[in-house]
Amino acid sequence: MWSALLAGLWVLGGAIVAMSNTRYHGVFAVFLFIPSALVIVPWLAFDYGFWAALVALVGVCSMLRWPLYYVGKYLRSRVTGEDFSWPNWRPRDQ
């Protein structure tokens, strides 16, 4: 039960960050939502089974598609030695 409640709060927090007027969406995703999803999804699998974890994993990948894309590009650049730069998540100087 606690895993489902925590997964629901995770989705609510992601929706709030997505609707907020900030340029730091990627920072929240990389440092808060991805690590917490790495805990919540296996916990859901333990409590509710494979199919619940698969649904949660599809939801995580749907909500975090661009941050996961850039983390994947970063990891690939570490293995292959390609050049990589994170997207500019800082507010532009006016």
N, C-alpha and C. Protein backbone atom coordinates (compact mmCIF):
# COMPACT_ATOMS: atom_id res chain seq x y z
N MET A 1 0.81 -1.19 0.00
CA MET A 1 0.00 0.00 0.00
C MET A 1 0.86 1.26 0.00
N TRP A 2 1.93 1.26 0.78
CA TRP A 2 2.78 2.43 0.85
C TRP A 2 3.47 2.70 -0.48
N SER A 3 3.81 1.65 -1.20
CA SER A 3 4.47 1.86 -2.49
C SER A 3 3.53 2.51 -3.49
N ALA A 4 2.27 2.12 -3.49
CA ALA A 4 1.30 2.73 -4.40
C ALA A 4 1.05 4.19 -4.02
N LEU A 5 0.99 4.47 -2.73
CA LEU A 5 0.81 5.85 -2.29
C LEU A 5 2.01 6.70 -2.69
N LEU A 6 3.19 6.17 -2.48
CA LEU A 6 4.40 6.90 -2.86
C LEU A 6 4.47 7.10 -4.38
N ALA A 7 4.05 6.10 -5.15
CA ALA A 7 4.03 6.24 -6.61
C ALA A 7 3.03 7.33 -7.03
N GLY A 8 1.90 7.39 -6.38
CA GLY A 8 0.93 8.44 -6.67
C GLY A 8 1.46 9.83 -6.33
N LEU A 9 2.17 9.94 -5.21
CA LEU A 9 2.78 11.22 -4.86
C LEU A 9 3.89 11.59 -5.83
N TRP A 10 4.60 10.58 -6.34
CA TRP A 10 5.63 10.82 -7.32
C TRP A 10 5.02 11.42 -8.59
N VAL A 11 3.91 10.85 -9.04
CA VAL A 11 3.23 11.36 -10.23
C VAL A 11 2.70 12.77 -9.99
N LEU A 12 2.12 13.00 -8.82
CA LEU A 12 1.62 14.33 -8.48
C LEU A 12 2.75 15.35 -8.45
N GLY A 13 3.88 14.98 -7.84
CA GLY A 13 5.02 15.89 -7.81
C GLY A 13 5.56 16.18 -9.20
N GLY A 14 5.60 15.17 -10.05
CA GLY A 14 6.03 15.38 -11.43
C GLY A 14 5.10 16.30 -12.19
N ALA A 15 3.80 16.16 -11.96
CA ALA A 15 2.83 17.03 -12.62
C ALA A 15 2.97 18.47 -12.13
N ILE A 16 3.22 18.65 -10.85
CA ILE A 16 3.38 20.00 -10.31
C ILE A 16 4.63 20.66 -10.88
N VAL A 17 5.72 19.92 -10.94
CA VAL A 17 6.95 20.48 -11.52
C VAL A 17 6.75 20.78 -13.00
N ALA A 18 6.05 19.91 -13.71
CA ALA A 18 5.82 20.14 -15.14
C ALA A 18 4.96 21.38 -15.38
N MET A 19 4.01 21.65 -14.51
CA MET A 19 3.13 22.81 -14.68
C MET A 19 3.72 24.09 -14.13
N SER A 20 4.78 23.99 -13.34
CA SER A 20 5.35 25.19 -12.74
C SER A 20 6.10 26.01 -13.79
N ASN A 21 6.24 27.26 -13.50
CA ASN A 21 6.89 28.18 -14.42
C ASN A 21 8.37 28.27 -14.06
N THR A 22 9.11 27.22 -14.38
CA THR A 22 10.54 27.20 -14.09
C THR A 22 11.29 26.58 -15.24
N ARG A 23 12.54 26.97 -15.37
CA ARG A 23 13.39 26.38 -16.41
C ARG A 23 14.19 25.23 -15.87
N TYR A 24 13.98 24.85 -14.61
CA TYR A 24 14.77 23.82 -13.96
C TYR A 24 14.10 22.45 -13.97
N HIS A 25 13.22 22.19 -14.92
CA HIS A 25 12.54 20.89 -14.98
C HIS A 25 13.54 19.74 -15.06
N GLY A 26 14.56 19.89 -15.88
CA GLY A 26 15.55 18.84 -16.05
C GLY A 26 16.35 18.58 -14.80
N VAL A 27 16.64 19.63 -14.05
CA VAL A 27 17.39 19.48 -12.80
C VAL A 27 16.57 18.67 -11.80
N PHE A 28 15.27 19.00 -11.66
CA PHE A 28 14.41 18.23 -10.78
C PHE A 28 14.35 16.77 -11.23
N ALA A 29 14.27 16.57 -12.52
CA ALA A 29 14.14 15.21 -13.04
C ALA A 29 15.40 14.39 -12.77
N VAL A 30 16.55 14.96 -13.06
CA VAL A 30 17.80 14.20 -12.94
C VAL A 30 18.15 13.93 -11.48
N PHE A 31 17.96 14.90 -10.62
CA PHE A 31 18.43 14.75 -9.24
C PHE A 31 17.35 14.31 -8.25
N LEU A 32 16.08 14.39 -8.62
CA LEU A 32 15.03 14.01 -7.67
C LEU A 32 14.17 12.86 -8.20
N PHE A 33 13.63 13.00 -9.39
CA PHE A 33 12.64 12.04 -9.86
C PHE A 33 13.25 10.73 -10.38
N ILE A 34 14.38 10.78 -11.06
CA ILE A 34 14.99 9.53 -11.54
C ILE A 34 15.48 8.66 -10.38
N PRO A 35 16.24 9.21 -9.41
CA PRO A 35 16.67 8.34 -8.29
C PRO A 35 15.51 7.79 -7.47
N SER A 36 14.47 8.60 -7.27
CA SER A 36 13.33 8.09 -6.50
C SER A 36 12.56 7.03 -7.29
N ALA A 37 12.52 7.14 -8.62
CA ALA A 37 11.86 6.11 -9.43
C ALA A 37 12.62 4.80 -9.37
N LEU A 38 13.95 4.87 -9.22
CA LEU A 38 14.75 3.65 -9.09
C LEU A 38 14.45 2.90 -7.80
N VAL A 39 13.84 3.56 -6.84
CA VAL A 39 13.42 2.90 -5.60
C VAL A 39 11.96 2.48 -5.68
N ILE A 40 11.11 3.34 -6.23
CA ILE A 40 9.67 3.09 -6.22
C ILE A 40 9.28 1.93 -7.14
N VAL A 41 9.84 1.86 -8.34
CA VAL A 41 9.43 0.82 -9.30
C VAL A 41 9.73 -0.59 -8.78
N PRO A 42 10.93 -0.88 -8.26
CA PRO A 42 11.13 -2.23 -7.69
C PRO A 42 10.25 -2.52 -6.48
N TRP A 43 9.99 -1.48 -5.69
CA TRP A 43 9.10 -1.65 -4.54
C TRP A 43 7.69 -2.01 -5.01
N LEU A 44 7.21 -1.37 -6.05
CA LEU A 44 5.91 -1.74 -6.63
C LEU A 44 5.93 -3.17 -7.15
N ALA A 45 7.04 -3.57 -7.77
CA ALA A 45 7.15 -4.95 -8.26
C ALA A 45 7.08 -5.94 -7.11
N PHE A 46 7.71 -5.62 -6.01
CA PHE A 46 7.68 -6.51 -4.85
C PHE A 46 6.28 -6.60 -4.25
N ASP A 47 5.58 -5.46 -4.16
CA ASP A 47 4.25 -5.44 -3.55
C ASP A 47 3.14 -5.94 -4.47
N TYR A 48 3.18 -5.55 -5.74
CA TYR A 48 2.04 -5.80 -6.63
C TYR A 48 2.36 -6.68 -7.83
N GLY A 49 3.61 -6.98 -8.08
CA GLY A 49 3.95 -7.88 -9.16
C GLY A 49 4.54 -7.17 -10.37
N PHE A 50 4.89 -8.00 -11.34
CA PHE A 50 5.59 -7.54 -12.54
C PHE A 50 4.78 -6.54 -13.35
N TRP A 51 3.48 -6.77 -13.51
CA TRP A 51 2.67 -5.92 -14.38
C TRP A 51 2.51 -4.51 -13.82
N ALA A 52 2.38 -4.39 -12.51
CA ALA A 52 2.30 -3.07 -11.89
C ALA A 52 3.61 -2.31 -12.06
N ALA A 53 4.73 -3.02 -11.92
CA ALA A 53 6.03 -2.39 -12.12
C ALA A 53 6.22 -1.98 -13.58
N LEU A 54 5.74 -2.79 -14.51
CA LEU A 54 5.85 -2.46 -15.92
C LEU A 54 5.03 -1.21 -16.26
N VAL A 55 3.82 -1.12 -15.72
CA VAL A 55 3.00 0.08 -15.93
C VAL A 55 3.69 1.30 -15.33
N ALA A 56 4.25 1.16 -14.13
CA ALA A 56 4.96 2.27 -13.51
C ALA A 56 6.19 2.67 -14.32
N LEU A 57 6.90 1.69 -14.85
CA LEU A 57 8.08 1.98 -15.66
C LEU A 57 7.72 2.71 -16.95
N VAL A 58 6.63 2.33 -17.57
CA VAL A 58 6.16 3.04 -18.76
C VAL A 58 5.79 4.48 -18.40
N GLY A 59 5.15 4.66 -17.26
CA GLY A 59 4.82 6.01 -16.80
C GLY A 59 6.06 6.85 -16.52
N VAL A 60 7.05 6.26 -15.90
CA VAL A 60 8.30 6.97 -15.62
C VAL A 60 8.97 7.37 -16.94
N CYS A 61 9.05 6.45 -17.86
CA CYS A 61 9.69 6.75 -19.15
C CYS A 61 8.90 7.79 -19.94
N SER A 62 7.59 7.81 -19.77
CA SER A 62 6.77 8.80 -20.46
C SER A 62 6.97 10.18 -19.87
N MET A 63 7.00 10.26 -18.55
CA MET A 63 7.13 11.57 -17.90
C MET A 63 8.55 12.13 -18.00
N LEU A 64 9.55 11.26 -18.02
CA LEU A 64 10.94 11.71 -17.98
C LEU A 64 11.69 11.39 -19.27
N ARG A 65 11.02 11.44 -20.40
CA ARG A 65 11.66 10.99 -21.64
C ARG A 65 12.88 11.84 -22.00
N TRP A 66 12.84 13.15 -21.89
CA TRP A 66 14.00 13.96 -22.27
C TRP A 66 15.12 13.88 -21.25
N PRO A 67 14.87 13.96 -19.95
CA PRO A 67 15.99 13.76 -19.02
C PRO A 67 16.63 12.38 -19.16
N LEU A 68 15.83 11.34 -19.37
CA LEU A 68 16.39 10.01 -19.56
C LEU A 68 17.20 9.94 -20.85
N TYR A 69 16.76 10.65 -21.88
CA TYR A 69 17.49 10.71 -23.14
C TYR A 69 18.88 11.31 -22.92
N TYR A 70 18.93 12.43 -22.18
CA TYR A 70 20.22 13.07 -21.95
C TYR A 70 21.11 12.27 -21.01
N VAL A 71 20.55 11.60 -20.02
CA VAL A 71 21.35 10.73 -19.16
C VAL A 71 21.92 9.58 -19.99
N GLY A 72 21.11 9.02 -20.89
CA GLY A 72 21.60 7.97 -21.78
C GLY A 72 22.71 8.46 -22.69
N LYS A 73 22.55 9.66 -23.24
CA LYS A 73 23.61 10.23 -24.08
C LYS A 73 24.88 10.46 -23.27
N TYR A 74 24.74 10.91 -22.02
CA TYR A 74 25.90 11.12 -21.17
C TYR A 74 26.62 9.80 -20.89
N LEU A 75 25.87 8.77 -20.55
CA LEU A 75 26.48 7.47 -20.27
C LEU A 75 27.15 6.90 -21.51
N ARG A 76 26.52 7.07 -22.67
CA ARG A 76 27.12 6.60 -23.92
C ARG A 76 28.41 7.35 -24.23
N SER A 77 28.43 8.66 -23.94
CA SER A 77 29.65 9.43 -24.19
C SER A 77 30.77 9.01 -23.26
N ARG A 78 30.44 8.58 -22.05
CA ARG A 78 31.47 8.10 -21.13
C ARG A 78 32.09 6.80 -21.62
N VAL A 79 31.29 5.96 -22.27
CA VAL A 79 31.78 4.67 -22.76
C VAL A 79 32.55 4.84 -24.08
N THR A 80 31.99 5.64 -24.99
CA THR A 80 32.58 5.75 -26.32
C THR A 80 33.58 6.88 -26.46
N GLY A 81 33.60 7.83 -25.53
CA GLY A 81 34.51 8.96 -25.61
C GLY A 81 34.02 10.09 -26.50
N GLU A 82 32.76 10.06 -26.91
CA GLU A 82 32.19 11.13 -27.73
C GLU A 82 32.05 12.41 -26.91
N ASP A 83 31.97 13.54 -27.61
CA ASP A 83 31.73 14.81 -26.94
C ASP A 83 30.28 14.86 -26.48
N PHE A 84 30.06 15.48 -25.33
CA PHE A 84 28.72 15.60 -24.79
C PHE A 84 28.62 16.90 -24.01
N SER A 85 27.49 17.58 -24.11
CA SER A 85 27.20 18.75 -23.28
C SER A 85 25.75 18.68 -22.85
N TRP A 86 25.54 18.97 -21.59
CA TRP A 86 24.18 19.00 -21.07
C TRP A 86 23.43 20.17 -21.68
N PRO A 87 22.10 20.08 -21.78
CA PRO A 87 21.36 21.23 -22.28
C PRO A 87 21.45 22.37 -21.27
N ASN A 88 21.28 23.58 -21.74
CA ASN A 88 21.37 24.75 -20.87
C ASN A 88 20.07 24.87 -20.07
N TRP A 89 20.12 24.47 -18.81
CA TRP A 89 18.94 24.56 -17.95
C TRP A 89 18.94 25.81 -17.10
N ARG A 90 19.91 26.67 -17.30
CA ARG A 90 19.98 27.91 -16.53
C ARG A 90 19.15 28.99 -17.23
N PRO A 91 18.56 29.87 -16.45
CA PRO A 91 17.83 30.98 -17.11
C PRO A 91 18.80 31.83 -17.93
N ARG A 92 18.32 32.26 -19.03
CA ARG A 92 19.17 33.08 -19.90
C ARG A 92 19.43 34.43 -19.26
N ASP A 93 20.65 34.91 -19.43
CA ASP A 93 20.96 36.25 -18.94
C ASP A 93 20.27 37.27 -19.84
N GLN A 94 19.59 38.16 -19.22
CA GLN A 94 18.83 39.15 -19.99
C GLN A 94 19.60 40.43 -20.09
